[in-house]
Amino acid sequence: MNMINTNQAAITTKYVLYDHSVIVSVYHDMDDDWQFYGVEEVETEDAVLLSISQIIELDASVKEILNIKKGYSAHRNSKIDSWRIEKDE
């Protein structure tokens, strides 16, 4: 795995943080930002800022895809499914 700064801020949602929604979509933006989403449709006011290490504490399975390149995303249907890596357009 590439070395990443686990203290780096990441965007997630209140559903992931407070309701323990399963993370099913992860985006590694071209500007090196990370976003972690559950299945819920979200609005701007649902956003929460955490560190990547806090995201890992919520769902350790995301460690599997923290090596995706900038401009790529990872998706799965449920926590038991495998991640699918895609290049973002």
N, C-alpha and C. Protein backbone atom coordinates (compact mmCIF):
# COMPACT_ATOMS: atom_id res chain seq x y z
N MET A 1 0.85 -1.17 0.00
CA MET A 1 0.00 0.00 0.00
C MET A 1 0.90 1.24 0.00
N ASN A 2 0.50 2.25 -0.76
CA ASN A 2 1.21 3.52 -0.72
C ASN A 2 1.06 4.12 0.67
N MET A 3 2.08 4.85 1.07
CA MET A 3 2.01 5.52 2.37
C MET A 3 1.08 6.71 2.27
N ILE A 4 0.09 6.75 3.10
CA ILE A 4 -0.81 7.90 3.13
C ILE A 4 -0.78 8.49 4.53
N ASN A 5 -1.11 9.73 4.60
CA ASN A 5 -1.17 10.41 5.88
C ASN A 5 -2.53 10.14 6.51
N THR A 6 -2.58 9.29 7.50
CA THR A 6 -3.87 8.94 8.11
C THR A 6 -4.43 10.07 8.96
N ASN A 7 -3.63 11.10 9.18
CA ASN A 7 -4.14 12.29 9.87
C ASN A 7 -4.80 13.27 8.91
N GLN A 8 -4.70 12.97 7.62
CA GLN A 8 -5.30 13.84 6.60
C GLN A 8 -6.82 13.89 6.79
N ALA A 9 -7.38 15.06 6.58
CA ALA A 9 -8.84 15.22 6.69
C ALA A 9 -9.53 14.50 5.53
N ALA A 10 -10.71 13.99 5.81
CA ALA A 10 -11.53 13.32 4.81
C ALA A 10 -12.98 13.71 5.03
N ILE A 11 -13.72 13.76 3.95
CA ILE A 11 -15.14 14.07 4.04
C ILE A 11 -15.92 12.77 4.12
N THR A 12 -16.87 12.73 5.03
CA THR A 12 -17.82 11.64 5.10
C THR A 12 -19.17 12.25 5.44
N THR A 13 -20.09 11.45 5.93
CA THR A 13 -21.43 11.96 6.24
C THR A 13 -21.81 11.65 7.68
N LYS A 14 -22.79 12.36 8.15
CA LYS A 14 -23.29 12.09 9.50
C LYS A 14 -23.87 10.68 9.59
N TYR A 15 -24.32 10.13 8.46
CA TYR A 15 -24.87 8.77 8.46
C TYR A 15 -23.78 7.75 8.74
N VAL A 16 -22.61 7.95 8.14
CA VAL A 16 -21.48 7.05 8.39
C VAL A 16 -21.01 7.20 9.83
N LEU A 17 -20.90 8.44 10.29
CA LEU A 17 -20.37 8.69 11.64
C LEU A 17 -21.34 8.28 12.74
N TYR A 18 -22.57 8.72 12.67
CA TYR A 18 -23.51 8.53 13.79
C TYR A 18 -24.40 7.30 13.65
N ASP A 19 -24.75 6.94 12.41
CA ASP A 19 -25.65 5.80 12.20
C ASP A 19 -24.91 4.55 11.77
N HIS A 20 -23.59 4.64 11.65
CA HIS A 20 -22.74 3.51 11.25
C HIS A 20 -23.15 2.94 9.90
N SER A 21 -23.55 3.83 9.00
CA SER A 21 -23.85 3.41 7.64
C SER A 21 -22.59 2.82 7.01
N VAL A 22 -22.76 1.75 6.27
CA VAL A 22 -21.63 1.08 5.62
C VAL A 22 -21.08 1.99 4.52
N ILE A 23 -19.78 2.14 4.49
CA ILE A 23 -19.15 2.92 3.42
C ILE A 23 -19.16 2.09 2.15
N VAL A 24 -19.79 2.61 1.10
CA VAL A 24 -19.90 1.89 -0.16
C VAL A 24 -19.24 2.63 -1.33
N SER A 25 -18.88 3.88 -1.13
CA SER A 25 -18.22 4.66 -2.18
C SER A 25 -17.10 5.49 -1.57
N VAL A 26 -15.93 5.40 -2.20
CA VAL A 26 -14.76 6.15 -1.76
C VAL A 26 -14.17 6.85 -2.98
N TYR A 27 -13.91 8.14 -2.84
CA TYR A 27 -13.35 8.93 -3.93
C TYR A 27 -12.01 9.51 -3.49
N HIS A 28 -11.00 9.36 -4.35
CA HIS A 28 -9.70 9.99 -4.13
C HIS A 28 -9.56 11.04 -5.23
N ASP A 29 -9.83 12.27 -4.88
CA ASP A 29 -9.88 13.36 -5.85
C ASP A 29 -8.50 13.70 -6.38
N MET A 30 -8.48 14.37 -7.54
CA MET A 30 -7.22 14.77 -8.16
C MET A 30 -6.41 15.71 -7.26
N ASP A 31 -7.07 16.45 -6.39
CA ASP A 31 -6.35 17.35 -5.47
C ASP A 31 -5.97 16.65 -4.16
N ASP A 32 -6.04 15.32 -4.16
CA ASP A 32 -5.63 14.44 -3.05
C ASP A 32 -6.61 14.44 -1.88
N ASP A 33 -7.81 14.97 -2.07
CA ASP A 33 -8.85 14.87 -1.04
C ASP A 33 -9.51 13.50 -1.12
N TRP A 34 -10.01 13.05 0.03
CA TRP A 34 -10.71 11.77 0.12
C TRP A 34 -12.14 12.01 0.56
N GLN A 35 -13.08 11.20 0.01
CA GLN A 35 -14.48 11.27 0.39
C GLN A 35 -14.99 9.84 0.60
N PHE A 36 -15.75 9.63 1.67
CA PHE A 36 -16.26 8.31 2.04
C PHE A 36 -17.76 8.42 2.25
N TYR A 37 -18.55 7.66 1.47
CA TYR A 37 -20.01 7.77 1.53
C TYR A 37 -20.68 6.42 1.75
N GLY A 38 -21.83 6.48 2.42
CA GLY A 38 -22.69 5.32 2.56
C GLY A 38 -23.69 5.29 1.41
N VAL A 39 -24.78 4.57 1.60
CA VAL A 39 -25.78 4.42 0.54
C VAL A 39 -26.77 5.58 0.47
N GLU A 40 -26.80 6.42 1.49
CA GLU A 40 -27.79 7.48 1.57
C GLU A 40 -27.52 8.59 0.56
N GLU A 41 -28.60 9.21 0.08
CA GLU A 41 -28.45 10.44 -0.68
C GLU A 41 -28.12 11.53 0.32
N VAL A 42 -27.16 12.37 0.00
CA VAL A 42 -26.71 13.36 0.98
C VAL A 42 -26.78 14.78 0.42
N GLU A 43 -26.91 15.70 1.34
CA GLU A 43 -26.89 17.13 1.05
C GLU A 43 -25.63 17.71 1.70
N THR A 44 -25.30 18.92 1.35
CA THR A 44 -24.10 19.57 1.90
C THR A 44 -24.11 19.57 3.43
N GLU A 45 -25.27 19.79 4.01
CA GLU A 45 -25.34 19.87 5.48
C GLU A 45 -25.14 18.51 6.17
N ASP A 46 -25.10 17.43 5.39
CA ASP A 46 -24.84 16.10 5.94
C ASP A 46 -23.35 15.80 6.07
N ALA A 47 -22.50 16.66 5.53
CA ALA A 47 -21.06 16.42 5.50
C ALA A 47 -20.44 16.54 6.89
N VAL A 48 -19.45 15.68 7.14
CA VAL A 48 -18.68 15.67 8.38
C VAL A 48 -17.21 15.52 7.99
N LEU A 49 -16.35 16.23 8.67
CA LEU A 49 -14.92 16.15 8.42
C LEU A 49 -14.26 15.31 9.51
N LEU A 50 -13.59 14.24 9.09
CA LEU A 50 -12.85 13.36 10.00
C LEU A 50 -11.46 13.13 9.44
N SER A 51 -10.60 12.54 10.22
CA SER A 51 -9.30 12.11 9.69
C SER A 51 -9.48 10.73 9.05
N ILE A 52 -8.56 10.38 8.18
CA ILE A 52 -8.62 9.06 7.57
C ILE A 52 -8.50 7.98 8.65
N SER A 53 -7.70 8.22 9.68
CA SER A 53 -7.59 7.22 10.76
C SER A 53 -8.93 7.03 11.47
N GLN A 54 -9.71 8.09 11.63
CA GLN A 54 -11.04 7.96 12.23
C GLN A 54 -11.98 7.18 11.31
N ILE A 55 -11.84 7.38 10.00
CA ILE A 55 -12.64 6.61 9.03
C ILE A 55 -12.29 5.13 9.17
N ILE A 56 -11.00 4.82 9.28
CA ILE A 56 -10.56 3.42 9.43
C ILE A 56 -11.13 2.82 10.71
N GLU A 57 -11.21 3.59 11.79
CA GLU A 57 -11.81 3.10 13.03
C GLU A 57 -13.28 2.75 12.82
N LEU A 58 -13.97 3.51 12.00
CA LEU A 58 -15.39 3.24 11.72
C LEU A 58 -15.57 2.02 10.82
N ASP A 59 -14.66 1.85 9.85
CA ASP A 59 -14.77 0.75 8.89
C ASP A 59 -13.37 0.38 8.40
N ALA A 60 -12.76 -0.59 9.06
CA ALA A 60 -11.39 -0.99 8.74
C ALA A 60 -11.24 -1.55 7.33
N SER A 61 -12.33 -1.98 6.71
CA SER A 61 -12.23 -2.56 5.37
C SER A 61 -11.82 -1.53 4.32
N VAL A 62 -11.92 -0.24 4.63
CA VAL A 62 -11.49 0.77 3.65
C VAL A 62 -9.97 0.76 3.47
N LYS A 63 -9.24 0.15 4.41
CA LYS A 63 -7.78 0.07 4.26
C LYS A 63 -7.40 -0.63 2.96
N GLU A 64 -8.27 -1.52 2.49
CA GLU A 64 -8.01 -2.28 1.26
C GLU A 64 -7.86 -1.39 0.04
N ILE A 65 -8.48 -0.22 0.04
CA ILE A 65 -8.51 0.61 -1.17
C ILE A 65 -7.83 1.96 -0.97
N LEU A 66 -7.12 2.15 0.10
CA LEU A 66 -6.45 3.43 0.32
C LEU A 66 -5.23 3.63 -0.58
N ASN A 67 -4.96 2.66 -1.44
CA ASN A 67 -3.87 2.79 -2.41
C ASN A 67 -4.37 3.22 -3.78
N ILE A 68 -5.66 3.53 -3.92
CA ILE A 68 -6.14 3.95 -5.24
C ILE A 68 -5.53 5.30 -5.61
N LYS A 69 -5.28 5.45 -6.90
CA LYS A 69 -4.64 6.67 -7.39
C LYS A 69 -5.60 7.85 -7.32
N LYS A 70 -5.01 9.04 -7.37
CA LYS A 70 -5.82 10.25 -7.48
C LYS A 70 -6.64 10.17 -8.76
N GLY A 71 -7.90 10.60 -8.68
CA GLY A 71 -8.78 10.54 -9.84
C GLY A 71 -9.50 9.22 -10.00
N TYR A 72 -9.41 8.36 -9.00
CA TYR A 72 -10.09 7.06 -9.02
C TYR A 72 -11.06 6.98 -7.85
N SER A 73 -11.98 6.04 -7.97
CA SER A 73 -12.93 5.80 -6.88
C SER A 73 -13.11 4.29 -6.72
N ALA A 74 -13.65 3.91 -5.56
CA ALA A 74 -13.92 2.51 -5.27
C ALA A 74 -15.37 2.40 -4.81
N HIS A 75 -16.03 1.34 -5.27
CA HIS A 75 -17.45 1.16 -4.96
C HIS A 75 -17.73 -0.30 -4.65
N ARG A 76 -18.74 -0.50 -3.82
CA ARG A 76 -19.23 -1.85 -3.51
C ARG A 76 -20.70 -1.71 -3.14
N ASN A 77 -21.41 -2.81 -3.19
CA ASN A 77 -22.84 -2.78 -2.86
C ASN A 77 -23.10 -2.95 -1.37
N SER A 78 -22.22 -3.67 -0.68
CA SER A 78 -22.39 -3.91 0.75
C SER A 78 -21.02 -4.20 1.35
N LYS A 79 -20.96 -4.30 2.66
CA LYS A 79 -19.68 -4.53 3.34
C LYS A 79 -19.07 -5.88 2.99
N ILE A 80 -19.88 -6.84 2.60
CA ILE A 80 -19.35 -8.17 2.28
C ILE A 80 -18.91 -8.28 0.82
N ASP A 81 -19.23 -7.29 0.00
CA ASP A 81 -18.85 -7.31 -1.41
C ASP A 81 -17.42 -6.80 -1.60
N SER A 82 -16.82 -7.19 -2.72
CA SER A 82 -15.49 -6.70 -3.07
C SER A 82 -15.59 -5.29 -3.63
N TRP A 83 -14.52 -4.52 -3.45
CA TRP A 83 -14.46 -3.18 -4.01
C TRP A 83 -14.22 -3.25 -5.51
N ARG A 84 -14.87 -2.36 -6.27
CA ARG A 84 -14.63 -2.18 -7.70
C ARG A 84 -13.94 -0.82 -7.86
N ILE A 85 -12.80 -0.81 -8.50
CA ILE A 85 -12.05 0.44 -8.70
C ILE A 85 -12.37 0.99 -10.08
N GLU A 86 -12.64 2.30 -10.15
CA GLU A 86 -12.98 2.95 -11.42
C GLU A 86 -12.21 4.25 -11.55
N LYS A 87 -11.86 4.58 -12.79
CA LYS A 87 -11.26 5.89 -13.07
C LYS A 87 -12.40 6.89 -13.20
N ASP A 88 -12.31 7.99 -12.46
CA ASP A 88 -13.36 9.01 -12.52
C ASP A 88 -13.19 9.84 -13.78
N GLU A 89 -14.30 10.32 -14.29
CA GLU A 89 -14.26 11.13 -15.52
C GLU A 89 -14.28 12.59 -15.21
